[in-house]
PDB file of N, CA and C in Angstrom:
ATOM      1  N   MET A   1      54.299 141.141  -3.787  1.00  0.00           N
ATOM      2  CA  MET A   1      53.083 141.310  -5.043  1.00  0.00           C
ATOM      3  C   MET A   1      52.291 141.352  -4.303  1.00  0.00           C
ATOM      4  N   SER A   2      52.301 140.562  -2.890  1.00  0.00           N
ATOM      5  CA  SER A   2      50.588 140.865  -1.514  1.00  0.00           C
ATOM      6  C   SER A   2      50.672 141.794  -2.208  1.00  0.00           C
ATOM      7  N   ILE A   3      50.741 142.932  -1.772  1.00  0.00           N
ATOM      8  CA  ILE A   3      50.566 144.783  -1.858  1.00  0.00           C
ATOM      9  C   ILE A   3      50.471 144.823  -2.883  1.00  0.00           C
ATOM     10  N   LEU A   4      50.251 144.748  -3.967  1.00  0.00           N
ATOM     11  CA  LEU A   4      50.081 144.684  -5.148  1.00  0.00           C
ATOM     12  C   LEU A   4      48.476 144.329  -5.374  1.00  0.00           C
ATOM     13  N   LEU A   5      48.634 142.929  -4.743  1.00  0.00           N
ATOM     14  CA  LEU A   5      47.293 142.151  -4.397  1.00  0.00           C
ATOM     15  C   LEU A   5      46.500 142.522  -3.819  1.00  0.00           C
ATOM     16  N   ASP A   6      46.442 143.182  -2.632  1.00  0.00           N
ATOM     17  CA  ASP A   6      45.654 143.938  -1.312  1.00  0.00           C
ATOM     18  C   ASP A   6      45.196 145.157  -2.901  1.00  0.00           C
ATOM     19  N   LYS A   7      46.091 146.056  -3.104  1.00  0.00           N
ATOM     20  CA  LYS A   7      45.396 147.213  -3.995  1.00  0.00           C
ATOM     21  C   LYS A   7      44.560 146.735  -5.427  1.00  0.00           C
ATOM     22  N   LEU A   8      44.950 145.543  -5.962  1.00  0.00           N
ATOM     23  CA  LEU A   8      43.672 145.115  -6.818  1.00  0.00           C
ATOM     24  C   LEU A   8      42.869 144.677  -6.491  1.00  0.00           C
ATOM     25  N   ILE A   9      42.637 143.915  -5.088  1.00  0.00           N
ATOM     26  CA  ILE A   9      41.340 143.874  -4.086  1.00  0.00           C
ATOM     27  C   ILE A   9      40.311 145.510  -3.936  1.00  0.00           C
ATOM     28  N   ASP A  10      41.223 145.917  -3.184  1.00  0.00           N
ATOM     29  CA  ASP A  10      40.305 147.143  -2.480  1.00  0.00           C
ATOM     30  C   ASP A  10      39.979 148.524  -3.637  1.00  0.00           C
ATOM     31  N   LYS A  11      40.723 148.186  -4.722  1.00  0.00           N
ATOM     32  CA  LYS A  11      40.681 149.454  -5.666  1.00  0.00           C
ATOM     33  C   LYS A  11      39.023 149.493  -6.480  1.00  0.00           C
ATOM     34  N   GLU A  12      38.337 150.349  -6.119  1.00  0.00           N
ATOM     35  CA  GLU A  12      37.078 151.150  -7.101  1.00  0.00           C
ATOM     36  C   GLU A  12      37.240 150.846  -8.002  1.00  0.00           C
ATOM     37  N   GLY A  13      36.185 150.612  -8.847  1.00  0.00           N
ATOM     38  CA  GLY A  13      35.869 150.144 -10.384  1.00  0.00           C
ATOM     39  C   GLY A  13      35.761 149.282 -10.753  1.00  0.00           C
ATOM     40  N   ASN A  14      36.157 148.670 -12.267  1.00  0.00           N
ATOM     41  CA  ASN A  14      35.963 147.506 -13.221  1.00  0.00           C
ATOM     42  C   ASN A  14      37.401 146.817 -13.073  1.00  0.00           C
ATOM     43  N   ILE A  15      37.863 146.138 -12.219  1.00  0.00           N
ATOM     44  CA  ILE A  15      39.544 145.542 -12.004  1.00  0.00           C
ATOM     45  C   ILE A  15      39.508 144.929 -14.054  1.00  0.00           C
ATOM     46  N   TYR A  16      38.667 144.464 -14.418  1.00  0.00           N
ATOM     47  CA  TYR A  16      38.489 143.075 -15.447  1.00  0.00           C
ATOM     48  C   TYR A  16      39.187 144.686 -16.272  1.00  0.00           C
ATOM     49  N   GLU A  17      38.971 145.541 -16.411  1.00  0.00           N
ATOM     50  CA  GLU A  17      38.926 147.130 -17.194  1.00  0.00           C
ATOM     51  C   GLU A  17      40.631 147.309 -16.873  1.00  0.00           C
ATOM     52  N   MET A  18      40.992 146.984 -16.014  1.00  0.00           N
ATOM     53  CA  MET A  18      42.098 147.746 -15.426  1.00  0.00           C
ATOM     54  C   MET A  18      43.136 146.391 -15.650  1.00  0.00           C
ATOM     55  N   THR A  19      42.679 145.478 -15.306  1.00  0.00           N
ATOM     56  CA  THR A  19      43.779 143.965 -15.964  1.00  0.00           C
ATOM     57  C   THR A  19      44.038 144.175 -17.235  1.00  0.00           C
ATOM     58  N   CYS A  20      43.069 144.738 -18.453  1.00  0.00           N
ATOM     59  CA  CYS A  20      42.964 144.693 -19.650  1.00  0.00           C
ATOM     60  C   CYS A  20      43.893 145.732 -20.004  1.00  0.00           C
ATOM     61  N   VAL A  21      43.830 146.628 -19.499  1.00  0.00           N
ATOM     62  CA  VAL A  21      45.083 147.791 -19.738  1.00  0.00           C
ATOM     63  C   VAL A  21      46.444 147.407 -19.383  1.00  0.00           C
ATOM     64  N   ALA A  22      46.653 146.957 -18.143  1.00  0.00           N
ATOM     65  CA  ALA A  22      47.559 146.543 -17.968  1.00  0.00           C
ATOM     66  C   ALA A  22      48.295 145.510 -18.849  1.00  0.00           C
ATOM     67  N   ILE A  23      47.901 144.728 -18.934  1.00  0.00           N
ATOM     68  CA  ILE A  23      47.733 143.299 -20.105  1.00  0.00           C
ATOM     69  C   ILE A  23      48.359 144.252 -21.623  1.00  0.00           C
ATOM     70  N   LYS A  24      47.765 145.021 -22.231  1.00  0.00           N
ATOM     71  CA  LYS A  24      47.671 145.593 -23.443  1.00  0.00           C
ATOM     72  C   LYS A  24      49.123 146.517 -22.886  1.00  0.00           C
ATOM     73  N   GLU A  25      49.313 147.749 -22.134  1.00  0.00           N
ATOM     74  CA  GLU A  25      50.552 148.064 -22.526  1.00  0.00           C
ATOM     75  C   GLU A  25      51.879 147.510 -22.032  1.00  0.00           C
ATOM     76  N   ALA A  26      51.484 146.284 -20.987  1.00  0.00           N
ATOM     77  CA  ALA A  26      52.717 145.530 -21.271  1.00  0.00           C
ATOM     78  C   ALA A  26      53.372 144.831 -22.240  1.00  0.00           C
ATOM     79  N   ASN A  27      52.551 144.678 -22.930  1.00  0.00           N
ATOM     80  CA  ASN A  27      52.509 143.942 -24.545  1.00  0.00           C
ATOM     81  C   ASN A  27      52.965 144.844 -25.827  1.00  0.00           C
ATOM     82  N   LEU A  28      52.429 145.950 -25.037  1.00  0.00           N
ATOM     83  CA  LEU A  28      53.627 147.532 -25.973  1.00  0.00           C
ATOM     84  C   LEU A  28      54.889 147.481 -25.447  1.00  0.00           C
ATOM     85  N   ILE A  29      55.067 147.545 -24.432  1.00  0.00           N
ATOM     86  CA  ILE A  29      56.538 147.404 -23.565  1.00  0.00           C
ATOM     87  C   ILE A  29      57.415 146.470 -23.738  1.00  0.00           C
ATOM     88  N   GLN A  30      56.697 144.951 -23.901  1.00  0.00           N
ATOM     89  CA  GLN A  30      57.910 143.800 -24.256  1.00  0.00           C
ATOM     90  C   GLN A  30      58.831 144.506 -25.427  1.00  0.00           C
ATOM     91  N   GLY A  31      58.919 144.971 -26.061  1.00  0.00           N
ATOM     92  CA  GLY A  31      59.349 145.194 -27.859  1.00  0.00           C
ATOM     93  C   GLY A  31      60.288 145.699 -27.407  1.00  0.00           C
ATOM     94  N   THR A  32      60.734 147.001 -26.327  1.00  0.00           N
ATOM     95  CA  THR A  32      61.422 148.567 -25.731  1.00  0.00           C
ATOM     96  C   THR A  32      62.187 148.267 -24.989  1.00  0.00           C
ATOM     97  N   ASN A  33      63.326 148.840 -24.509  1.00  0.00           N
ATOM     98  CA  ASN A  33      64.329 149.397 -23.529  1.00  0.00           C
ATOM     99  C   ASN A  33      63.787 149.279 -22.361  1.00  0.00           C
ATOM    100  N   LEU A  34      62.281 150.043 -22.441  1.00  0.00           N
ATOM    101  CA  LEU A  34      61.501 150.136 -21.146  1.00  0.00           C
ATOM    102  C   LEU A  34      61.871 148.824 -20.615  1.00  0.00           C
ATOM    103  N   LYS A  35      61.657 147.545 -21.231  1.00  0.00           N
ATOM    104  CA  LYS A  35      61.532 146.359 -20.417  1.00  0.00           C
ATOM    105  C   LYS A  35      62.666 146.084 -20.033  1.00  0.00           C
ATOM    106  N   ASP A  36      63.536 146.342 -20.592  1.00  0.00           N
ATOM    107  CA  ASP A  36      65.499 145.689 -19.915  1.00  0.00           C
ATOM    108  C   ASP A  36      65.101 146.798 -18.645  1.00  0.00           C
ATOM    109  N   GLU A  37      64.759 147.444 -18.354  1.00  0.00           N
ATOM    110  CA  GLU A  37      65.241 148.830 -17.504  1.00  0.00           C
ATOM    111  C   GLU A  37      64.037 148.440 -16.161  1.00  0.00           C
ATOM    112  N   ILE A  38      62.906 147.826 -16.614  1.00  0.00           N
ATOM    113  CA  ILE A  38      61.811 147.364 -15.324  1.00  0.00           C
ATOM    114  C   ILE A  38      62.638 145.827 -14.979  1.00  0.00           C
ATOM    115  N   GLU A  39      63.407 144.841 -15.644  1.00  0.00           N
ATOM    116  CA  GLU A  39      63.552 143.448 -15.229  1.00  0.00           C
ATOM    117  C   GLU A  39      64.426 143.693 -14.389  1.00  0.00           C
ATOM    118  N   ARG A  40      65.676 144.823 -14.949  1.00  0.00           N
ATOM    119  CA  ARG A  40      66.806 145.268 -14.527  1.00  0.00           C
ATOM    120  C   ARG A  40      66.905 145.285 -12.525  1.00  0.00           C
ATOM    121  N   GLU A  41      65.609 146.006 -12.694  1.00  0.00           N
ATOM    122  CA  GLU A  41      65.029 146.291 -11.279  1.00  0.00           C
ATOM    123  C   GLU A  41      64.814 145.155 -10.468  1.00  0.00           C
ATOM    124  N   GLY A  42      64.092 143.449 -11.267  1.00  0.00           N
ATOM    125  CA  GLY A  42      63.524 142.693 -10.262  1.00  0.00           C
ATOM    126  C   GLY A  42      62.043 142.725 -10.775  1.00  0.00           C
ATOM    127  N   GLU A  43      61.611 143.651 -11.255  1.00  0.00           N
ATOM    128  CA  GLU A  43      60.152 143.334 -11.368  1.00  0.00           C
ATOM    129  C   GLU A  43      60.003 142.778 -12.826  1.00  0.00           C
ATOM    130  N   LYS A  44      58.848 142.328 -13.084  1.00  0.00           N
ATOM    131  CA  LYS A  44      58.141 141.885 -14.099  1.00  0.00           C
ATOM    132  C   LYS A  44      57.235 142.747 -15.104  1.00  0.00           C
ATOM    133  N   VAL A  45      57.092 142.972 -16.064  1.00  0.00           N
ATOM    134  CA  VAL A  45      56.789 144.489 -16.850  1.00  0.00           C
ATOM    135  C   VAL A  45      55.404 144.314 -16.758  1.00  0.00           C
ATOM    136  N   THR A  46      54.318 143.166 -16.753  1.00  0.00           N
ATOM    137  CA  THR A  46      52.931 143.112 -16.514  1.00  0.00           C
ATOM    138  C   THR A  46      52.507 143.782 -15.130  1.00  0.00           C
ATOM    139  N   THR A  47      53.104 143.042 -13.929  1.00  0.00           N
ATOM    140  CA  THR A  47      53.370 143.706 -13.126  1.00  0.00           C
ATOM    141  C   THR A  47      53.399 145.044 -12.249  1.00  0.00           C
ATOM    142  N   HIS A  48      54.739 145.856 -12.820  1.00  0.00           N
ATOM    143  CA  HIS A  48      54.961 146.598 -12.823  1.00  0.00           C
ATOM    144  C   HIS A  48      53.862 147.880 -13.655  1.00  0.00           C
ATOM    145  N   VAL A  49      53.524 146.758 -14.549  1.00  0.00           N
ATOM    146  CA  VAL A  49      52.126 148.085 -15.917  1.00  0.00           C
ATOM    147  C   VAL A  49      51.348 148.509 -14.613  1.00  0.00           C
ATOM    148  N   LEU A  50      50.858 146.836 -14.197  1.00  0.00           N
ATOM    149  CA  LEU A  50      49.377 146.861 -13.237  1.00  0.00           C
ATOM    150  C   LEU A  50      49.523 148.109 -12.073  1.00  0.00           C
ATOM    151  N   ASP A  51      50.227 148.172 -11.390  1.00  0.00           N
ATOM    152  CA  ASP A  51      50.910 148.674 -10.383  1.00  0.00           C
ATOM    153  C   ASP A  51      50.959 150.551 -10.543  1.00  0.00           C
ATOM    154  N   GLN A  52      51.489 150.615 -11.943  1.00  0.00           N
ATOM    155  CA  GLN A  52      51.005 151.569 -12.583  1.00  0.00           C
ATOM    156  C   GLN A  52      49.633 152.109 -12.438  1.00  0.00           C
ATOM    157  N   VAL A  53      48.720 150.702 -13.069  1.00  0.00           N
ATOM    158  CA  VAL A  53      47.369 151.055 -13.842  1.00  0.00           C
ATOM    159  C   VAL A  53      46.913 151.412 -12.256  1.00  0.00           C
ATOM    160  N   LEU A  54      46.732 151.133 -11.133  1.00  0.00           N
ATOM    161  CA  LEU A  54      46.371 150.972 -10.041  1.00  0.00           C
ATOM    162  C   LEU A  54      46.380 151.805  -9.242  1.00  0.00           C
ATOM    163  N   ASN A  55      48.083 152.892  -9.044  1.00  0.00           N
ATOM    164  CA  ASN A  55      48.164 154.104  -9.305  1.00  0.00           C
ATOM    165  C   ASN A  55      47.992 155.610  -9.382  1.00  0.00           C
ATOM    166  N   ASP A  56      47.105 154.605 -10.196  1.00  0.00           N
ATOM    167  CA  ASP A  56      46.227 155.805 -11.798  1.00  0.00           C
ATOM    168  C   ASP A  56      46.847 156.468 -12.525  1.00  0.00           C
ATOM    169  N   GLU A  57      48.568 155.809 -12.737  1.00  0.00           N
ATOM    170  CA  GLU A  57      49.868 156.465 -13.042  1.00  0.00           C
ATOM    171  C   GLU A  57      49.621 156.606 -14.771  1.00  0.00           C
ATOM    172  N   ILE A  58      48.257 155.509 -14.850  1.00  0.00           N
ATOM    173  CA  ILE A  58      48.615 155.731 -16.201  1.00  0.00           C
ATOM    174  C   ILE A  58      46.786 155.587 -16.758  1.00  0.00           C
ATOM    175  N   LYS A  59      46.307 156.679 -17.325  1.00  0.00           N
ATOM    176  CA  LYS A  59      44.814 156.938 -17.809  1.00  0.00           C
ATOM    177  C   LYS A  59      44.650 156.348 -18.879  1.00  0.00           C
ATOM    178  N   TYR A  60      43.223 155.870 -18.654  1.00  0.00           N
ATOM    179  CA  TYR A  60      42.589 155.273 -20.218  1.00  0.00           C
ATOM    180  C   TYR A  60      41.268 155.521 -19.635  1.00  0.00           C
ATOM    181  N   THR A  61      40.681 155.483 -21.077  1.00  0.00           N
ATOM    182  CA  THR A  61      38.970 155.737 -21.402  1.00  0.00           C
ATOM    183  C   THR A  61      38.907 154.309 -22.138  1.00  0.00           C
ATOM    184  N   ILE A  62      37.649 153.853 -21.824  1.00  0.00           N
ATOM    185  CA  ILE A  62      37.550 152.884 -22.793  1.00  0.00           C
ATOM    186  C   ILE A  62      36.036 153.025 -23.799  1.00  0.00           C
ATOM    187  N   SER A  63      36.324 152.528 -24.878  1.00  0.00           N
ATOM    188  CA  SER A  63      35.790 153.344 -25.702  1.00  0.00           C
ATOM    189  C   SER A  63      34.436 151.911 -26.662  1.00  0.00           C
ATOM    190  N   GLU A  64      33.683 152.535 -26.391  1.00  0.00           N
ATOM    191  CA  GLU A  64      32.283 151.697 -27.049  1.00  0.00           C
ATOM    192  C   GLU A  64      32.122 151.761 -28.764  1.00  0.00           C
ATOM    193  N   ASP A  65      32.655 150.230 -29.055  1.00  0.00           N
ATOM    194  CA  ASP A  65      32.311 149.949 -30.329  1.00  0.00           C
ATOM    195  C   ASP A  65      31.417 149.668 -31.065  1.00  0.00           C
TER     196      ASP A  65
END
């Protein structure tokens, strides 16, 4: 977890946006089989998704409504 925290601290950009994306994505995964796979690997869904966001594996855009 400390590696993830270090990535979060060192990441350039809007950290609030990144964490919001991770939380929304984690909520989408909660009702799927992917959740079970992630948990079998010993990870938490939100941590897994946040790591993907910080590694630019999940692309997102912010819409201005």
